[in-house]
Protein backbone atom coordinates (compact mmCIF):
# COMPACT_ATOMS: atom_id res chain seq x y z
CA MET A 1 27.28 2.54 13.58
CA ALA A 2 24.35 1.57 11.34
CA GLN A 3 21.10 0.63 13.07
CA ILE A 4 19.09 -2.18 11.46
CA ASN A 5 15.57 -2.96 12.63
CA VAL A 6 14.53 -6.57 11.92
CA GLY A 7 10.81 -7.15 12.30
CA VAL A 8 9.05 -10.45 12.96
CA LEU A 9 5.38 -10.59 11.95
CA ALA A 10 3.64 -11.35 15.25
CA LEU A 11 0.06 -12.09 14.25
CA GLN A 12 0.18 -15.87 14.75
CA GLY A 13 2.75 -18.65 14.81
CA ALA A 14 6.30 -19.04 16.08
CA PHE A 15 7.24 -15.36 16.18
CA SER A 16 8.66 -15.42 19.73
CA GLU A 17 10.99 -18.27 18.78
CA HIS A 18 12.32 -16.20 15.88
CA ILE A 19 12.86 -13.24 18.20
CA MET A 20 14.89 -15.42 20.58
CA LEU A 21 17.11 -16.78 17.79
CA LEU A 22 17.54 -13.32 16.31
CA ARG A 23 18.84 -12.02 19.63
CA HIS A 24 21.21 -14.97 19.84
CA ALA A 25 22.40 -14.23 16.30
CA PHE A 26 22.83 -10.52 17.13
CA ALA A 27 25.09 -11.43 20.04
CA MET A 28 27.16 -13.74 17.87
CA LEU A 29 27.58 -11.10 15.18
CA GLN A 30 28.61 -8.53 17.76
CA ALA A 31 31.18 -11.01 19.12
CA GLU A 32 32.62 -11.02 15.60
CA ARG A 33 32.91 -7.21 15.88
CA ASP A 34 30.02 -6.51 13.56
CA ASP A 35 29.61 -2.74 13.44
CA SER A 36 25.82 -2.70 13.15
CA SER A 37 23.31 -2.00 15.88
CA TRP A 38 20.60 -4.66 15.60
CA ILE A 39 17.02 -4.39 16.87
CA ALA A 40 14.32 -7.11 16.85
CA THR A 41 10.73 -5.89 16.70
CA GLU A 42 7.41 -7.73 16.96
CA VAL A 43 5.29 -6.38 14.10
CA ARG A 44 1.52 -6.09 14.42
CA THR A 45 0.70 -2.74 12.82
CA PRO A 46 1.52 -0.94 9.56
CA GLU A 47 3.45 1.67 11.54
CA GLN A 48 5.68 -0.98 13.13
CA LEU A 49 6.21 -2.60 9.73
CA ASN A 50 7.17 0.68 8.10
CA ALA A 51 9.91 1.18 10.70
CA CYS A 52 11.57 -2.14 9.78
CA ASP A 53 14.48 -2.63 7.44
CA ALA A 54 13.79 -6.37 7.05
CA LEU A 55 11.05 -8.81 8.00
CA ILE A 56 10.58 -12.44 9.01
CA ILE A 57 7.21 -14.13 8.45
CA PRO A 58 7.18 -17.08 10.86
CA GLY A 59 5.88 -20.60 10.67
CA GLY A 60 2.33 -21.18 11.85
CA GLU A 61 -0.99 -21.44 10.01
CA SER A 62 -0.79 -19.59 6.71
CA THR A 63 -4.58 -19.23 6.49
CA ALA A 64 -4.75 -17.84 10.03
CA ILE A 65 -1.87 -15.40 9.44
CA ALA A 66 -3.51 -14.19 6.23
CA LEU A 67 -6.91 -13.83 7.91
CA VAL A 68 -5.56 -11.87 10.88
CA ALA A 69 -3.43 -9.72 8.56
CA SER A 70 -6.52 -8.89 6.52
CA ARG A 71 -8.54 -7.97 9.61
CA CYS A 72 -5.67 -5.83 10.93
CA GLU A 73 -5.33 -4.08 7.56
CA MET A 74 -1.82 -5.45 7.23
CA LEU A 75 -2.07 -7.32 3.91
CA GLU A 76 -1.53 -4.34 1.65
CA PRO A 77 1.32 -2.91 3.78
CA LEU A 78 2.97 -6.34 3.67
CA ARG A 79 2.62 -6.52 -0.10
CA SER A 80 4.07 -3.03 -0.35
CA PHE A 81 7.00 -3.99 1.89
CA VAL A 82 7.83 -7.11 -0.13
CA LYS A 83 6.81 -6.31 -3.70
CA ILE A 84 6.74 -2.54 -4.09
CA GLU A 85 9.63 -1.51 -1.83
CA ARG A 86 11.37 -4.89 -2.06
CA ARG A 87 12.83 -4.88 1.43
CA PRO A 88 14.60 -8.06 2.66
CA THR A 89 12.07 -10.68 3.77
CA TRP A 90 12.31 -14.29 4.96
CA GLY A 91 9.38 -16.66 5.33
CA THR A 92 9.54 -20.00 7.17
CA CYS A 93 6.98 -22.73 6.41
CA ALA A 94 3.70 -20.76 6.49
CA GLY A 95 5.79 -17.71 5.65
CA LEU A 96 7.04 -19.42 2.50
CA ILE A 97 3.45 -20.14 1.46
CA LEU A 98 2.50 -16.49 1.95
CA LEU A 99 5.52 -15.27 -0.05
CA ALA A 100 4.80 -17.57 -3.01
CA GLU A 101 3.17 -16.14 -6.10
CA ALA A 102 0.95 -19.24 -6.30
CA ALA A 103 -0.16 -21.95 -3.88
CA ASN A 104 -2.26 -25.05 -4.38
CA ARG A 105 -4.16 -27.51 -2.16
CA THR A 106 -5.96 -24.54 -0.68
CA LYS A 107 -9.00 -24.81 1.55
CA LYS A 108 -12.42 -23.90 0.22
CA GLY A 109 -12.43 -20.17 -0.38
CA GLY A 110 -8.64 -20.11 -0.58
CA GLN A 111 -6.50 -17.66 1.31
CA ASP A 112 -4.72 -14.42 0.62
CA LEU A 113 -1.09 -14.43 -0.48
CA ILE A 114 1.50 -11.69 -0.22
CA GLY A 115 3.70 -12.90 -3.07
CA GLY A 116 7.27 -11.98 -3.85
CA ILE A 117 8.83 -15.27 -5.03
CA ASP A 118 7.93 -16.63 -8.47
CA VAL A 119 7.15 -20.16 -7.32
CA ARG A 120 4.13 -22.38 -6.80
CA VAL A 121 4.08 -24.12 -3.42
CA ASN A 122 2.27 -27.30 -2.50
CA ARG A 123 0.74 -26.69 0.92
CA ASN A 124 0.98 -29.45 3.56
CA TYR A 125 2.96 -31.51 1.09
CA TYR A 126 4.30 -33.91 3.70
CA GLY A 127 0.90 -34.65 5.18
CA ARG A 128 -0.87 -34.13 8.45
CA GLN A 129 0.48 -32.99 11.81
CA VAL A 130 1.24 -36.58 12.86
CA GLU A 131 3.40 -36.99 9.77
CA SER A 132 5.74 -34.17 10.76
CA PHE A 133 9.40 -35.11 10.95
CA GLU A 134 12.98 -33.93 11.40
CA ALA A 135 15.83 -34.55 9.00
CA ASP A 136 19.47 -33.59 8.60
CA ILE A 137 19.73 -31.36 5.54
CA ASP A 138 22.64 -29.98 3.59
CA LEU A 139 22.49 -26.21 3.16
CA PRO A 140 25.21 -25.17 0.69
CA PHE A 141 24.61 -21.47 1.31
CA LEU A 142 25.82 -21.85 4.90
CA LYS A 143 29.27 -22.92 3.75
CA THR A 144 30.63 -19.41 3.85
CA GLY A 145 33.26 -19.61 6.54
CA GLN A 146 31.09 -20.00 9.62
CA PRO A 147 32.87 -22.31 12.11
CA GLY A 148 31.78 -25.91 11.64
CA SER A 149 29.40 -25.14 8.81
CA GLU A 150 31.41 -27.13 6.29
CA THR A 151 30.79 -30.44 8.03
CA ARG A 152 27.71 -29.99 10.21
CA PRO A 153 24.27 -30.54 8.63
CA PHE A 154 21.30 -28.46 9.70
CA ARG A 155 18.52 -30.26 11.58
CA GLY A 156 15.38 -29.35 9.69
CA VAL A 157 12.01 -29.41 11.45
CA PHE A 158 9.15 -30.10 9.01
CA ILE A 159 5.63 -29.58 10.41
CA ARG A 160 2.85 -29.90 7.83
CA ALA A 161 5.47 -28.43 5.57
CA PRO A 162 5.07 -27.11 2.04
CA VAL A 163 7.50 -27.65 -0.80
CA VAL A 164 8.19 -25.62 -3.91
CA GLU A 165 6.76 -27.76 -6.67
CA LYS A 166 7.39 -25.38 -9.57
CA ILE A 167 9.53 -22.37 -10.36
CA LEU A 168 7.27 -20.08 -12.34
CA PRO A 169 8.11 -17.94 -15.35
CA GLN A 170 8.82 -14.33 -14.52
CA VAL A 171 5.92 -12.23 -15.68
CA SER A 172 5.11 -8.56 -15.42
CA GLY A 173 1.94 -8.77 -13.40
CA ILE A 174 -0.18 -11.62 -12.11
CA GLN A 175 0.62 -15.29 -12.76
CA THR A 176 -2.38 -15.71 -15.04
CA ALA A 177 -1.56 -19.27 -16.14
CA GLU A 178 -1.58 -20.43 -12.52
CA GLN A 179 -5.18 -19.33 -12.12
CA GLU A 180 -6.21 -22.07 -14.51
CA HIS A 181 -5.10 -24.81 -12.13
CA PRO A 182 -7.82 -26.14 -9.79
CA GLU A 183 -7.48 -25.33 -6.08
CA THR A 184 -4.68 -22.87 -6.86
CA ILE A 185 -4.55 -19.26 -5.75
CA VAL A 186 -2.24 -16.49 -6.94
CA ALA A 187 -0.95 -13.32 -5.35
CA PRO A 188 -2.08 -9.96 -6.69
CA SER A 189 0.43 -8.15 -8.85
CA LYS A 190 2.16 -5.06 -7.54
CA ALA A 191 4.38 -2.69 -9.48
CA PRO A 192 7.78 -1.97 -7.87
CA ARG A 193 8.18 1.63 -6.88
CA ASP A 194 11.31 2.32 -8.93
CA SER A 195 13.86 0.72 -11.25
CA PHE A 196 16.00 -0.36 -8.29
CA SER A 197 13.13 -2.35 -6.76
CA ALA A 198 12.18 -3.65 -10.21
CA SER A 199 15.66 -5.12 -10.64
CA LYS A 200 15.15 -7.14 -7.46
CA LEU A 201 11.71 -8.30 -8.53
CA SER A 202 13.02 -9.46 -11.91
CA ALA A 203 15.90 -11.50 -10.46
CA PRO A 204 15.81 -15.26 -11.13
CA VAL A 205 14.64 -17.70 -8.48
CA GLU A 206 17.53 -19.61 -6.90
CA VAL A 207 17.09 -23.08 -5.44
CA MET A 208 18.96 -22.88 -2.14
CA ALA A 209 18.34 -26.39 -0.76
CA THR A 210 16.59 -29.67 -1.50
CA LEU A 211 15.56 -32.67 0.58
CA PRO A 212 16.61 -35.84 -1.28
CA GLY A 213 16.06 -39.50 -0.48
CA ARG A 214 12.75 -39.47 1.38
CA THR A 215 12.50 -43.26 1.31
CA ASN A 216 12.77 -43.51 5.08
CA VAL A 217 10.87 -40.37 6.02
CA ASN A 218 8.08 -41.50 8.35
CA ASP A 219 8.15 -44.94 6.66
CA LEU A 220 6.06 -43.64 3.77
CA PRO A 221 7.48 -45.46 0.74
CA GLN A 222 4.52 -44.36 -1.40
CA ARG A 223 5.91 -40.83 -1.28
CA VAL A 224 9.33 -41.61 -2.68
CA LYS A 225 10.18 -39.46 -5.68
CA GLU A 226 11.84 -41.15 -8.60
CA GLU A 227 13.72 -37.97 -9.48
CA SER A 228 17.16 -37.64 -7.96
CA ASP A 229 17.02 -33.89 -7.42
CA GLY A 230 14.70 -34.11 -4.40
CA ASP A 231 12.10 -31.70 -3.03
CA ILE A 232 12.84 -27.99 -3.13
CA ILE A 233 12.78 -26.74 0.47
CA ALA A 234 14.55 -23.37 0.25
CA VAL A 235 14.46 -20.67 -2.43
CA ARG A 236 15.54 -17.09 -2.89
CA GLN A 237 14.62 -14.41 -5.39
CA ALA A 238 16.98 -11.47 -4.85
CA ASN A 239 16.39 -10.42 -1.23
CA VAL A 240 13.23 -12.47 -0.59
CA PHE A 241 14.00 -15.85 0.94
CA GLY A 242 11.83 -18.82 1.92
CA THR A 243 12.30 -22.14 3.72
CA SER A 244 9.86 -25.06 4.04
CA PHE A 245 11.17 -25.96 7.47
CA HIS A 246 11.34 -24.21 10.85
CA PRO A 247 14.83 -22.98 11.83
CA GLU A 248 13.15 -21.08 14.66
CA LEU A 249 12.21 -24.36 16.35
CA THR A 250 15.87 -25.31 16.81
CA VAL A 251 18.68 -23.80 18.86
CA ASP A 252 20.89 -23.48 15.79
CA PRO A 253 21.33 -19.80 14.78
CA ARG A 254 23.36 -20.40 11.61
CA ILE A 255 20.60 -19.59 9.12
CA HIS A 256 19.64 -16.47 11.08
CA ILE A 257 23.27 -15.34 11.11
CA TRP A 258 23.63 -15.98 7.38
CA TRP A 259 20.38 -14.12 6.65
CA LEU A 260 21.35 -11.14 8.82
CA ARG A 261 24.58 -10.79 6.87
CA GLU A 262 22.51 -10.76 3.68
CA VAL A 263 20.19 -8.19 5.25
CA LYS A 264 23.08 -5.93 6.21
CA ASP A 265 24.35 -5.89 2.62
CA ALA A 266 20.86 -5.31 1.22
CA VAL A 267 20.09 -2.49 3.65
CA ALA A 268 23.38 -0.75 2.84
CA GLU A 269 22.59 -1.06 -0.88
CA ASN A 270 19.05 0.25 -0.41
CA ARG A 271 20.16 3.19 1.69
CA SER A 272 22.94 4.21 -0.68
CA HIS A 273 20.57 4.00 -3.65
CA ARG A 274 17.88 6.13 -2.00
CA ILE A 275 20.05 8.86 -0.52
């Protein structure tokens, strides 16, 4: 029986909610006779991070998470985990911002990014706290045989949520062109540790979900997009995944279950490659 340790960064934000949904998802996988032994770990130190096979960066305040991570000497270990070792990682809301290679609408002085997904995010795209909302969203990647997933939308919780406003070109190193944009910050470049990790880093960015038709969202007609493709709210680049919304603030474990299945495959691949 393979043991898989899933960490949740517990410096700030909704980490306890992720832990609860992970445990629910573990139980559901075990009911399906999954042969893995799953562990959920709150991560606050480099040693705890190093023991993890996969990581969730929760929703919260991206600037606060980055600041605490810097003070706890966690930023470089996180960058190593995501960009050098390329272990499976999922960021929700603030976590998506931190995993982006570039972010705009930053506060004075900016903030640190981890990086890992070649996208630029627009922070707080949907406005202030009072403009937060919920919406039924279609998640095509969930339609993989889970009971009810073919017909049941996912209730997305958007709280001062970012969106992916641009998929960036894949470059070897820092996103230099992004530095020319005002109020935009970029993540430092990190070289993958081997060709296996490099293949993950060089994978294309996949758009996993969009939020179309925002005409009625919070009665804000001035924010309607003319484009029909909608706002990008979920992306993946190899085994690094990000969502604009907060699955951890629902009781629906479907995304966690889907992600854990992806983690299991990625961990098996990593372990077989590095034997």
